[in-house]
């Protein structure tokens, strides 16, 4: 059974296949593993595609590369070629802490200015959450993490963004909305 979005997925894949494969190879250093990562990524992307309907073709392409990157990270972890960072103990975090308020007060230009220097997972989280306004379920799927792990990533990403803003001289207001 063909879905209405199959043609768009096919176009995205055919336009970007070689670049996606090279991108996966950059992390895997093995063409066969890179091909497997690309195949896994495409299946994941197809499952999530309906939730991306409001995004432009260019944004969907960006998300396809994001899925490949995080699928490669997940595969490297499975192969024990990368040791995942030990989880830090997160205690007594309020629902709206200082970082939540600060990120909510930043403009999109300020976010774009500071996001480039962040760890890829953090930058991707900030972009998906605050620029593209995706929900936690979709973000967790894109980042190839469990939803329960997303809270830790969110806290770290927001903290890293605030630190990057301060380094770039952007005022970070943690005391309510502008």
C-alpha atoms as a PDB file:
ATOM      1  CA  UNK A   1       0.000   0.000   0.000  1.00  0.00           C
ATOM      2  CA  UNK A   2       1.445   3.337  -1.019  1.00  0.00           C
ATOM      3  CA  UNK A   3       1.250   6.316   1.315  1.00  0.00           C
ATOM      4  CA  UNK A   4       0.904   9.874   0.013  1.00  0.00           C
ATOM      5  CA  UNK A   5       4.323  10.769   1.398  1.00  0.00           C
ATOM      6  CA  UNK A   6       6.157   7.878  -0.313  1.00  0.00           C
ATOM      7  CA  UNK A   7       7.035  10.042  -3.311  1.00  0.00           C
ATOM      8  CA  UNK A   8       8.512  12.776  -1.124  1.00  0.00           C
ATOM      9  CA  UNK A   9      10.549  10.239   0.871  1.00  0.00           C
ATOM     10  CA  UNK A  10      11.801   8.731  -2.391  1.00  0.00           C
ATOM     11  CA  UNK A  11      12.837  12.168  -3.657  1.00  0.00           C
ATOM     12  CA  UNK A  12      14.606  12.979  -0.370  1.00  0.00           C
ATOM     13  CA  UNK A  13      16.441   9.656  -0.484  1.00  0.00           C
ATOM     14  CA  UNK A  14      17.451   9.868  -4.138  1.00  0.00           C
ATOM     15  CA  UNK A  15      18.652  13.476  -3.792  1.00  0.00           C
ATOM     16  CA  UNK A  16      20.755  12.714  -0.725  1.00  0.00           C
ATOM     17  CA  UNK A  17      21.706   9.022  -0.894  1.00  0.00           C
ATOM     18  CA  UNK A  18      25.403   9.484  -1.663  1.00  0.00           C
ATOM     19  CA  UNK A  19      25.843  12.318   0.831  1.00  0.00           C
ATOM     20  CA  UNK A  20      23.992  10.358   3.529  1.00  0.00           C
ATOM     21  CA  UNK A  21      26.136   7.285   2.904  1.00  0.00           C
ATOM     22  CA  UNK A  22      29.345   9.346   3.129  1.00  0.00           C
ATOM     23  CA  UNK A  23      27.991  11.006   6.285  1.00  0.00           C
ATOM     24  CA  UNK A  24      27.370   7.594   7.891  1.00  0.00           C
ATOM     25  CA  UNK A  25      30.807   6.389   6.738  1.00  0.00           C
ATOM     26  CA  UNK A  26      32.399   9.391   8.444  1.00  0.00           C
ATOM     27  CA  UNK A  27      31.290   7.932  11.786  1.00  0.00           C
ATOM     28  CA  UNK A  28      31.453   4.205  11.036  1.00  0.00           C
ATOM     29  CA  UNK A  29      34.693   4.002   8.962  1.00  0.00           C
ATOM     30  CA  UNK A  30      33.245   0.974   7.197  1.00  0.00           C
ATOM     31  CA  UNK A  31      31.107   1.127   4.047  1.00  0.00           C
ATOM     32  CA  UNK A  32      29.019  -1.925   4.923  1.00  0.00           C
ATOM     33  CA  UNK A  33      28.232  -0.582   8.408  1.00  0.00           C
ATOM     34  CA  UNK A  34      27.506   2.832   6.908  1.00  0.00           C
ATOM     35  CA  UNK A  35      25.069   1.240   4.474  1.00  0.00           C
ATOM     36  CA  UNK A  36      23.339  -0.582   7.351  1.00  0.00           C
ATOM     37  CA  UNK A  37      23.114   2.663   9.325  1.00  0.00           C
ATOM     38  CA  UNK A  38      21.594   4.414   6.308  1.00  0.00           C
ATOM     39  CA  UNK A  39      19.022   1.649   5.855  1.00  0.00           C
ATOM     40  CA  UNK A  40      18.071   1.742   9.550  1.00  0.00           C
ATOM     41  CA  UNK A  41      17.881   5.524   9.405  1.00  0.00           C
ATOM     42  CA  UNK A  42      15.575   5.516   6.386  1.00  0.00           C
ATOM     43  CA  UNK A  43      13.194   3.077   8.066  1.00  0.00           C
ATOM     44  CA  UNK A  44      13.110   5.257  11.168  1.00  0.00           C
ATOM     45  CA  UNK A  45      12.634   8.398   9.064  1.00  0.00           C
ATOM     46  CA  UNK A  46       9.738   6.817   7.143  1.00  0.00           C
ATOM     47  CA  UNK A  47       8.012   5.878  10.427  1.00  0.00           C
ATOM     48  CA  UNK A  48       8.300   9.467  11.666  1.00  0.00           C
ATOM     49  CA  UNK A  49       7.620  11.243   8.376  1.00  0.00           C
ATOM     50  CA  UNK A  50       3.923  11.989   9.010  1.00  0.00           C
ATOM     51  CA  UNK A  51       4.877  14.038  12.062  1.00  0.00           C
ATOM     52  CA  UNK A  52       7.074  16.295   9.934  1.00  0.00           C
ATOM     53  CA  UNK A  53       4.381  17.448   7.526  1.00  0.00           C
ATOM     54  CA  UNK A  54       4.644  21.131   8.455  1.00  0.00           C
ATOM     55  CA  UNK A  55       8.394  21.282   7.778  1.00  0.00           C
ATOM     56  CA  UNK A  56       9.906  22.391   4.484  1.00  0.00           C
ATOM     57  CA  UNK A  57      11.744  20.034   2.137  1.00  0.00           C
ATOM     58  CA  UNK A  58      15.062  21.510   3.291  1.00  0.00           C
ATOM     59  CA  UNK A  59      14.188  21.011   6.978  1.00  0.00           C
ATOM     60  CA  UNK A  60      13.167  17.404   6.305  1.00  0.00           C
ATOM     61  CA  UNK A  61      16.519  16.871   4.590  1.00  0.00           C
ATOM     62  CA  UNK A  62      18.255  18.236   7.674  1.00  0.00           C
ATOM     63  CA  UNK A  63      16.302  15.870   9.876  1.00  0.00           C
ATOM     64  CA  UNK A  64      17.249  12.946   7.650  1.00  0.00           C
ATOM     65  CA  UNK A  65      20.926  13.758   8.252  1.00  0.00           C
ATOM     66  CA  UNK A  66      20.168  14.066  11.985  1.00  0.00           C
ATOM     67  CA  UNK A  67      18.615  10.595  12.010  1.00  0.00           C
ATOM     68  CA  UNK A  68      21.672   9.148  10.223  1.00  0.00           C
ATOM     69  CA  UNK A  69      24.054  10.782  12.691  1.00  0.00           C
ATOM     70  CA  UNK A  70      22.234   9.518  15.771  1.00  0.00           C
ATOM     71  CA  UNK A  71      21.719   6.058  14.271  1.00  0.00           C
ATOM     72  CA  UNK A  72      25.485   5.911  13.701  1.00  0.00           C
ATOM     73  CA  UNK A  73      26.109   6.989  17.307  1.00  0.00           C
ATOM     74  CA  UNK A  74      23.733   4.268  18.542  1.00  0.00           C
ATOM     75  CA  UNK A  75      25.419   1.620  16.389  1.00  0.00           C
ATOM     76  CA  UNK A  76      28.876   2.668  17.601  1.00  0.00           C
ATOM     77  CA  UNK A  77      27.669   2.349  21.188  1.00  0.00           C
ATOM     78  CA  UNK A  78      26.322  -1.147  20.449  1.00  0.00           C
ATOM     79  CA  UNK A  79      29.683  -2.116  18.963  1.00  0.00           C
ATOM     80  CA  UNK A  80      31.416  -0.691  22.055  1.00  0.00           C
ATOM     81  CA  UNK A  81      33.449   1.592  19.788  1.00  0.00           C
ATOM     82  CA  UNK A  82      32.241   4.583  21.788  1.00  0.00           C
ATOM     83  CA  UNK A  83      31.719   4.424  25.509  1.00  0.00           C
ATOM     84  CA  UNK A  84      28.567   6.382  26.348  1.00  0.00           C
ATOM     85  CA  UNK A  85      29.081   9.141  28.899  1.00  0.00           C
ATOM     86  CA  UNK A  86      28.286   8.065  32.421  1.00  0.00           C
ATOM     87  CA  UNK A  87      24.965   9.465  33.560  1.00  0.00           C
ATOM     88  CA  UNK A  88      25.291  12.296  35.993  1.00  0.00           C
ATOM     89  CA  UNK A  89      23.086  12.357  39.023  1.00  0.00           C
ATOM     90  CA  UNK A  90      20.339  14.915  38.513  1.00  0.00           C
ATOM     91  CA  UNK A  91      18.705  15.892  41.774  1.00  0.00           C
ATOM     92  CA  UNK A  92      15.728  18.036  42.657  1.00  0.00           C
ATOM     93  CA  UNK A  93      15.235  19.776  39.325  1.00  0.00           C
ATOM     94  CA  UNK A  94      12.099  21.882  39.188  1.00  0.00           C
ATOM     95  CA  UNK A  95       9.857  21.652  36.145  1.00  0.00           C
ATOM     96  CA  UNK A  96      10.774  25.184  35.060  1.00  0.00           C
ATOM     97  CA  UNK A  97      14.326  25.798  36.168  1.00  0.00           C
ATOM     98  CA  UNK A  98      16.532  28.754  35.296  1.00  0.00           C
ATOM     99  CA  UNK A  99      17.637  27.223  31.981  1.00  0.00           C
ATOM    100  CA  UNK A 100      14.022  26.700  30.857  1.00  0.00           C
ATOM    101  CA  UNK A 101      13.249  30.339  31.526  1.00  0.00           C
ATOM    102  CA  UNK A 102      16.460  31.528  29.861  1.00  0.00           C
ATOM    103  CA  UNK A 103      15.963  29.503  26.675  1.00  0.00           C
ATOM    104  CA  UNK A 104      12.345  30.659  26.520  1.00  0.00           C
ATOM    105  CA  UNK A 105      13.582  34.263  26.597  1.00  0.00           C
ATOM    106  CA  UNK A 106      16.061  33.866  23.717  1.00  0.00           C
ATOM    107  CA  UNK A 107      15.159  34.917  20.198  1.00  0.00           C
ATOM    108  CA  UNK A 108      15.528  32.461  17.314  1.00  0.00           C
ATOM    109  CA  UNK A 109      18.495  34.474  16.039  1.00  0.00           C
ATOM    110  CA  UNK A 110      20.211  34.174  19.423  1.00  0.00           C
ATOM    111  CA  UNK A 111      19.546  30.426  19.512  1.00  0.00           C
ATOM    112  CA  UNK A 112      20.926  29.970  15.971  1.00  0.00           C
ATOM    113  CA  UNK A 113      23.980  32.054  16.884  1.00  0.00           C
ATOM    114  CA  UNK A 114      24.864  29.855  19.867  1.00  0.00           C
ATOM    115  CA  UNK A 115      23.682  26.414  18.769  1.00  0.00           C
ATOM    116  CA  UNK A 116      26.609  25.700  16.416  1.00  0.00           C
ATOM    117  CA  UNK A 117      29.142  25.316  19.221  1.00  0.00           C
ATOM    118  CA  UNK A 118      27.098  22.783  21.175  1.00  0.00           C
ATOM    119  CA  UNK A 119      27.605  19.025  21.271  1.00  0.00           C
ATOM    120  CA  UNK A 120      25.590  17.610  18.311  1.00  0.00           C
ATOM    121  CA  UNK A 121      22.962  15.928  20.470  1.00  0.00           C
ATOM    122  CA  UNK A 122      22.395  19.123  22.467  1.00  0.00           C
ATOM    123  CA  UNK A 123      22.232  21.350  19.411  1.00  0.00           C
ATOM    124  CA  UNK A 124      19.795  18.980  17.725  1.00  0.00           C
ATOM    125  CA  UNK A 125      17.616  18.882  20.848  1.00  0.00           C
ATOM    126  CA  UNK A 126      17.492  22.701  21.100  1.00  0.00           C
ATOM    127  CA  UNK A 127      16.687  23.063  17.393  1.00  0.00           C
ATOM    128  CA  UNK A 128      13.939  20.450  17.481  1.00  0.00           C
ATOM    129  CA  UNK A 129      12.392  21.713  20.724  1.00  0.00           C
ATOM    130  CA  UNK A 130      12.628  25.495  20.416  1.00  0.00           C
ATOM    131  CA  UNK A 131      12.973  26.204  16.698  1.00  0.00           C
ATOM    132  CA  UNK A 132      10.829  23.459  15.131  1.00  0.00           C
ATOM    133  CA  UNK A 133       8.608  22.950  18.212  1.00  0.00           C
ATOM    134  CA  UNK A 134       8.550  19.138  18.013  1.00  0.00           C
ATOM    135  CA  UNK A 135       7.225  17.071  20.906  1.00  0.00           C
ATOM    136  CA  UNK A 136       9.305  14.836  23.195  1.00  0.00           C
ATOM    137  CA  UNK A 137       8.274  11.593  21.517  1.00  0.00           C
ATOM    138  CA  UNK A 138       9.498  12.750  18.104  1.00  0.00           C
ATOM    139  CA  UNK A 139      12.702  14.249  19.511  1.00  0.00           C
ATOM    140  CA  UNK A 140      13.529  11.047  21.399  1.00  0.00           C
ATOM    141  CA  UNK A 141      13.010   9.031  18.237  1.00  0.00           C
ATOM    142  CA  UNK A 142      15.230  11.358  16.182  1.00  0.00           C
ATOM    143  CA  UNK A 143      18.000  11.278  18.779  1.00  0.00           C
ATOM    144  CA  UNK A 144      17.668   7.486  19.150  1.00  0.00           C
ATOM    145  CA  UNK A 145      17.158   7.704  22.902  1.00  0.00           C
ATOM    146  CA  UNK A 146      14.440   6.597  25.266  1.00  0.00           C
ATOM    147  CA  UNK A 147      11.966   9.252  26.330  1.00  0.00           C
ATOM    148  CA  UNK A 148      13.109   8.723  29.915  1.00  0.00           C
ATOM    149  CA  UNK A 149      16.653   9.757  28.887  1.00  0.00           C
ATOM    150  CA  UNK A 150      15.420  12.823  27.049  1.00  0.00           C
ATOM    151  CA  UNK A 151      14.914  14.800  30.281  1.00  0.00           C
ATOM    152  CA  UNK A 152      18.610  14.496  31.127  1.00  0.00           C
ATOM    153  CA  UNK A 153      19.567  15.521  27.589  1.00  0.00           C
ATOM    154  CA  UNK A 154      17.148  18.460  27.781  1.00  0.00           C
ATOM    155  CA  UNK A 155      18.655  19.750  31.021  1.00  0.00           C
ATOM    156  CA  UNK A 156      22.202  19.447  29.705  1.00  0.00           C
ATOM    157  CA  UNK A 157      21.325  20.987  26.336  1.00  0.00           C
ATOM    158  CA  UNK A 158      19.618  23.998  27.891  1.00  0.00           C
ATOM    159  CA  UNK A 159      22.495  24.498  30.314  1.00  0.00           C
ATOM    160  CA  UNK A 160      25.034  24.260  27.466  1.00  0.00           C
ATOM    161  CA  UNK A 161      23.038  26.743  25.377  1.00  0.00           C
ATOM    162  CA  UNK A 162      22.937  29.234  28.243  1.00  0.00           C
ATOM    163  CA  UNK A 163      26.696  28.872  28.739  1.00  0.00           C
ATOM    164  CA  UNK A 164      27.299  29.362  25.003  1.00  0.00           C
ATOM    165  CA  UNK A 165      25.132  32.497  25.033  1.00  0.00           C
ATOM    166  CA  UNK A 166      27.076  33.955  27.944  1.00  0.00           C
ATOM    167  CA  UNK A 167      30.376  33.229  26.139  1.00  0.00           C
ATOM    168  CA  UNK A 168      29.071  35.073  23.059  1.00  0.00           C
ATOM    169  CA  UNK A 169      27.991  38.028  25.183  1.00  0.00           C
ATOM    170  CA  UNK A 170      24.258  37.390  24.849  1.00  0.00           C
ATOM    171  CA  UNK A 171      22.390  38.321  28.004  1.00  0.00           C
ATOM    172  CA  UNK A 172      20.615  35.347  29.529  1.00  0.00           C
ATOM    173  CA  UNK A 173      17.529  36.384  31.498  1.00  0.00           C
ATOM    174  CA  UNK A 174      16.556  33.695  34.031  1.00  0.00           C
ATOM    175  CA  UNK A 175      13.908  35.742  35.819  1.00  0.00           C
ATOM    176  CA  UNK A 176      10.713  35.381  33.828  1.00  0.00           C
ATOM    177  CA  UNK A 177       9.672  36.371  30.331  1.00  0.00           C
ATOM    178  CA  UNK A 178      10.897  39.397  28.377  1.00  0.00           C
END
